[in-house]
Amino acid sequence: MNRSGPIRIPFRYAAGETGSRFLVALRDDQRILGSRCTTCERVQCPASSFCPHCGGATPETVDVQPEGNLVSWTEIPGRGVYGLVRLEGADTALLHRLLGPSTTWAIGLRVRARFAEERTGSVCDIEGFEAMEGGRP
């Protein structure tokens, strides 16, 4: 017998100490946190407990700005537009939704985070990124 349909796979996600600090800052303060590597000094965003560049520890949590530059973007039909955004103060890019039609976006464009009105402690507390006025590359 051949049956098709959705499969529900319930799960729980433990963000860990550093990830939880990142999510609480989004929810409670509308702040975006990164973490600075004690070995190579790079700042990654979102905050993480290790450095993906050199593998060093990243115990220092730092604020990064809610503005930055669009590094790359793509449109997913039926799902929206998503981009990699390098926020001021970070050395890595954050993948997130872009707010606006695909005709808005260009590599190098200045963007700003728009926070959700109701926040729950999720990366979706950033509703998405919108183009800044006069932010053309």
C-alpha atoms as a PDB file:
ATOM      1  CA  MET A   1       0.000   0.000   0.000  1.00  0.00           C
ATOM      2  CA  ASN A   2       1.343   3.440  -0.965  1.00  0.00           C
ATOM      3  CA  ARG A   3       0.325   6.370   1.264  1.00  0.00           C
ATOM      4  CA  SER A   4       1.562   9.918   1.077  1.00  0.00           C
ATOM      5  CA  GLY A   5       1.165  12.865   3.385  1.00  0.00           C
ATOM      6  CA  PRO A   6       3.011  15.017   5.882  1.00  0.00           C
ATOM      7  CA  ILE A   7       5.032  13.468   8.683  1.00  0.00           C
ATOM      8  CA  ARG A   8       5.033  15.279  12.028  1.00  0.00           C
ATOM      9  CA  ILE A   9       8.353  15.125  13.840  1.00  0.00           C
ATOM     10  CA  PRO A  10       8.143  16.995  17.164  1.00  0.00           C
ATOM     11  CA  PHE A  11      11.433  18.233  18.602  1.00  0.00           C
ATOM     12  CA  ARG A  12      12.880  20.540  21.240  1.00  0.00           C
ATOM     13  CA  TYR A  13      15.832  22.815  20.671  1.00  0.00           C
ATOM     14  CA  ALA A  14      18.273  23.738  23.445  1.00  0.00           C
ATOM     15  CA  ALA A  15      20.018  26.968  22.456  1.00  0.00           C
ATOM     16  CA  GLY A  16      22.692  26.648  25.145  1.00  0.00           C
ATOM     17  CA  GLU A  17      24.015  29.466  27.317  1.00  0.00           C
ATOM     18  CA  THR A  18      25.357  31.701  24.516  1.00  0.00           C
ATOM     19  CA  GLY A  19      22.412  31.109  22.179  1.00  0.00           C
ATOM     20  CA  SER A  20      19.942  31.755  24.997  1.00  0.00           C
ATOM     21  CA  ARG A  21      21.659  35.059  25.808  1.00  0.00           C
ATOM     22  CA  PHE A  22      21.319  36.025  22.107  1.00  0.00           C
ATOM     23  CA  LEU A  23      17.597  35.148  22.031  1.00  0.00           C
ATOM     24  CA  VAL A  24      16.790  36.872  25.355  1.00  0.00           C
ATOM     25  CA  ALA A  25      18.519  40.076  24.157  1.00  0.00           C
ATOM     26  CA  LEU A  26      16.380  40.021  20.981  1.00  0.00           C
ATOM     27  CA  ARG A  27      13.187  39.449  22.946  1.00  0.00           C
ATOM     28  CA  ASP A  28      13.695  41.756  25.917  1.00  0.00           C
ATOM     29  CA  ASP A  29      15.902  44.568  24.612  1.00  0.00           C
ATOM     30  CA  GLN A  30      15.720  44.470  20.802  1.00  0.00           C
ATOM     31  CA  ARG A  31      19.513  44.048  20.828  1.00  0.00           C
ATOM     32  CA  ILE A  32      21.558  41.839  18.528  1.00  0.00           C
ATOM     33  CA  LEU A  33      24.501  40.076  20.133  1.00  0.00           C
ATOM     34  CA  GLY A  34      27.641  38.680  18.614  1.00  0.00           C
ATOM     35  CA  SER A  35      30.546  36.863  20.219  1.00  0.00           C
ATOM     36  CA  ARG A  36      34.228  37.774  20.000  1.00  0.00           C
ATOM     37  CA  CYS A  37      36.772  34.978  19.626  1.00  0.00           C
ATOM     38  CA  THR A  38      39.546  35.109  22.215  1.00  0.00           C
ATOM     39  CA  THR A  39      42.007  33.618  19.686  1.00  0.00           C
ATOM     40  CA  CYS A  40      41.471  35.450  16.367  1.00  0.00           C
ATOM     41  CA  GLU A  41      39.355  38.409  17.626  1.00  0.00           C
ATOM     42  CA  ARG A  42      36.646  37.877  14.965  1.00  0.00           C
ATOM     43  CA  VAL A  43      33.066  38.720  15.937  1.00  0.00           C
ATOM     44  CA  GLN A  44      30.397  36.343  14.758  1.00  0.00           C
ATOM     45  CA  CYS A  45      26.688  36.971  14.707  1.00  0.00           C
ATOM     46  CA  PRO A  46      24.554  35.393  15.969  1.00  0.00           C
ATOM     47  CA  ALA A  47      26.547  34.809  19.144  1.00  0.00           C
ATOM     48  CA  SER A  48      28.043  31.330  19.458  1.00  0.00           C
ATOM     49  CA  SER A  49      30.193  29.501  22.001  1.00  0.00           C
ATOM     50  CA  PHE A  50      32.973  28.741  19.470  1.00  0.00           C
ATOM     51  CA  CYS A  51      34.584  30.431  16.491  1.00  0.00           C
ATOM     52  CA  PRO A  52      33.813  28.821  13.107  1.00  0.00           C
ATOM     53  CA  HIS A  53      36.971  30.410  11.648  1.00  0.00           C
ATOM     54  CA  CYS A  54      39.641  29.079  14.022  1.00  0.00           C
ATOM     55  CA  GLY A  55      37.735  26.908  16.518  1.00  0.00           C
ATOM     56  CA  GLY A  56      38.658  29.143  19.450  1.00  0.00           C
ATOM     57  CA  ALA A  57      36.424  29.930  22.392  1.00  0.00           C
ATOM     58  CA  THR A  58      34.149  32.974  22.190  1.00  0.00           C
ATOM     59  CA  PRO A  59      33.313  33.817  25.794  1.00  0.00           C
ATOM     60  CA  GLU A  60      32.940  37.577  25.217  1.00  0.00           C
ATOM     61  CA  THR A  61      29.452  38.634  24.139  1.00  0.00           C
ATOM     62  CA  VAL A  62      29.325  41.989  22.328  1.00  0.00           C
ATOM     63  CA  ASP A  63      26.595  44.176  20.859  1.00  0.00           C
ATOM     64  CA  VAL A  64      26.482  44.503  17.089  1.00  0.00           C
ATOM     65  CA  GLN A  65      24.504  47.208  15.335  1.00  0.00           C
ATOM     66  CA  PRO A  66      21.058  46.502  13.830  1.00  0.00           C
ATOM     67  CA  GLU A  67      22.307  48.039  10.554  1.00  0.00           C
ATOM     68  CA  GLY A  68      24.655  46.545   8.030  1.00  0.00           C
ATOM     69  CA  ASN A  69      25.247  45.601   4.412  1.00  0.00           C
ATOM     70  CA  LEU A  70      23.593  43.004   2.234  1.00  0.00           C
ATOM     71  CA  VAL A  71      26.244  40.464   1.235  1.00  0.00           C
ATOM     72  CA  SER A  72      24.049  38.208  -0.909  1.00  0.00           C
ATOM     73  CA  TRP A  73      20.369  37.485  -1.473  1.00  0.00           C
ATOM     74  CA  THR A  74      17.971  35.106  -3.190  1.00  0.00           C
ATOM     75  CA  GLU A  75      14.263  34.865  -3.848  1.00  0.00           C
ATOM     76  CA  ILE A  76      12.561  31.585  -3.006  1.00  0.00           C
ATOM     77  CA  PRO A  77       9.305  31.344  -5.015  1.00  0.00           C
ATOM     78  CA  GLY A  78       6.345  31.242  -2.661  1.00  0.00           C
ATOM     79  CA  ARG A  79       8.576  31.782   0.394  1.00  0.00           C
ATOM     80  CA  GLY A  80       9.989  35.298   0.028  1.00  0.00           C
ATOM     81  CA  VAL A  81      13.379  36.939  -0.250  1.00  0.00           C
ATOM     82  CA  TYR A  82      16.278  35.980   2.024  1.00  0.00           C
ATOM     83  CA  GLY A  83      19.714  37.463   2.398  1.00  0.00           C
ATOM     84  CA  LEU A  84      23.034  37.332   4.154  1.00  0.00           C
ATOM     85  CA  VAL A  85      23.510  40.527   6.159  1.00  0.00           C
ATOM     86  CA  ARG A  86      26.826  41.586   7.692  1.00  0.00           C
ATOM     87  CA  LEU A  87      25.880  43.795  10.613  1.00  0.00           C
ATOM     88  CA  GLU A  88      28.156  46.626  11.771  1.00  0.00           C
ATOM     89  CA  GLY A  89      30.524  45.217  14.366  1.00  0.00           C
ATOM     90  CA  ALA A  90      30.352  41.624  13.046  1.00  0.00           C
ATOM     91  CA  ASP A  91      32.784  39.746  10.816  1.00  0.00           C
ATOM     92  CA  THR A  92      30.225  37.140   9.718  1.00  0.00           C
ATOM     93  CA  ALA A  93      26.882  37.404   7.962  1.00  0.00           C
ATOM     94  CA  LEU A  94      23.460  36.574   9.389  1.00  0.00           C
ATOM     95  CA  LEU A  95      20.916  34.764   7.190  1.00  0.00           C
ATOM     96  CA  HIS A  96      17.446  36.272   7.473  1.00  0.00           C
ATOM     97  CA  ARG A  97      14.328  37.363   5.634  1.00  0.00           C
ATOM     98  CA  LEU A  98      14.389  40.568   3.589  1.00  0.00           C
ATOM     99  CA  LEU A  99      11.298  42.760   3.711  1.00  0.00           C
ATOM    100  CA  GLY A 100      10.324  44.012   0.301  1.00  0.00           C
ATOM    101  CA  PRO A 101      10.159  42.877  -3.320  1.00  0.00           C
ATOM    102  CA  SER A 102      13.165  41.377  -5.095  1.00  0.00           C
ATOM    103  CA  THR A 103      13.551  44.596  -7.119  1.00  0.00           C
ATOM    104  CA  THR A 104      14.638  46.327  -3.874  1.00  0.00           C
ATOM    105  CA  TRP A 105      17.800  44.313  -3.265  1.00  0.00           C
ATOM    106  CA  ALA A 106      21.381  44.749  -4.432  1.00  0.00           C
ATOM    107  CA  ILE A 107      24.650  43.497  -3.008  1.00  0.00           C
ATOM    108  CA  GLY A 108      26.146  46.182  -0.773  1.00  0.00           C
ATOM    109  CA  LEU A 109      22.772  47.766   0.023  1.00  0.00           C
ATOM    110  CA  ARG A 110      22.497  49.235   3.533  1.00  0.00           C
ATOM    111  CA  VAL A 111      19.799  47.471   5.564  1.00  0.00           C
ATOM    112  CA  ARG A 112      18.331  47.712   9.060  1.00  0.00           C
ATOM    113  CA  ALA A 113      16.689  45.098  11.271  1.00  0.00           C
ATOM    114  CA  ARG A 114      12.980  45.519  11.924  1.00  0.00           C
ATOM    115  CA  PHE A 115      11.936  43.893  15.176  1.00  0.00           C
ATOM    116  CA  ALA A 116       8.602  42.129  15.584  1.00  0.00           C
ATOM    117  CA  GLU A 117       6.037  43.904  17.747  1.00  0.00           C
ATOM    118  CA  GLU A 118       5.422  40.749  19.760  1.00  0.00           C
ATOM    119  CA  ARG A 119       8.652  38.934  20.585  1.00  0.00           C
ATOM    120  CA  THR A 120       8.936  35.391  21.930  1.00  0.00           C
ATOM    121  CA  GLY A 121      12.663  34.645  22.254  1.00  0.00           C
ATOM    122  CA  SER A 122      13.223  33.397  18.706  1.00  0.00           C
ATOM    123  CA  VAL A 123      15.391  34.582  15.817  1.00  0.00           C
ATOM    124  CA  CYS A 124      12.021  35.558  14.293  1.00  0.00           C
ATOM    125  CA  ASP A 125      11.959  38.390  16.861  1.00  0.00           C
ATOM    126  CA  ILE A 126      13.793  40.099  14.027  1.00  0.00           C
ATOM    127  CA  GLU A 127      10.874  40.333  11.608  1.00  0.00           C
ATOM    128  CA  GLY A 128      13.344  40.882   8.813  1.00  0.00           C
ATOM    129  CA  PHE A 129      15.675  43.427   7.260  1.00  0.00           C
ATOM    130  CA  GLU A 130      14.531  46.440   5.289  1.00  0.00           C
ATOM    131  CA  ALA A 131      16.443  48.718   2.957  1.00  0.00           C
ATOM    132  CA  MET A 132      17.658  51.942   4.517  1.00  0.00           C
ATOM    133  CA  GLU A 133      16.749  55.175   2.800  1.00  0.00           C
ATOM    134  CA  GLY A 134      19.610  56.284   0.585  1.00  0.00           C
ATOM    135  CA  GLY A 135      21.312  52.944   1.213  1.00  0.00           C
ATOM    136  CA  ARG A 136      22.070  52.108  -2.421  1.00  0.00           C
ATOM    137  CA  PRO A 137      25.577  50.729  -3.003  1.00  0.00           C
END
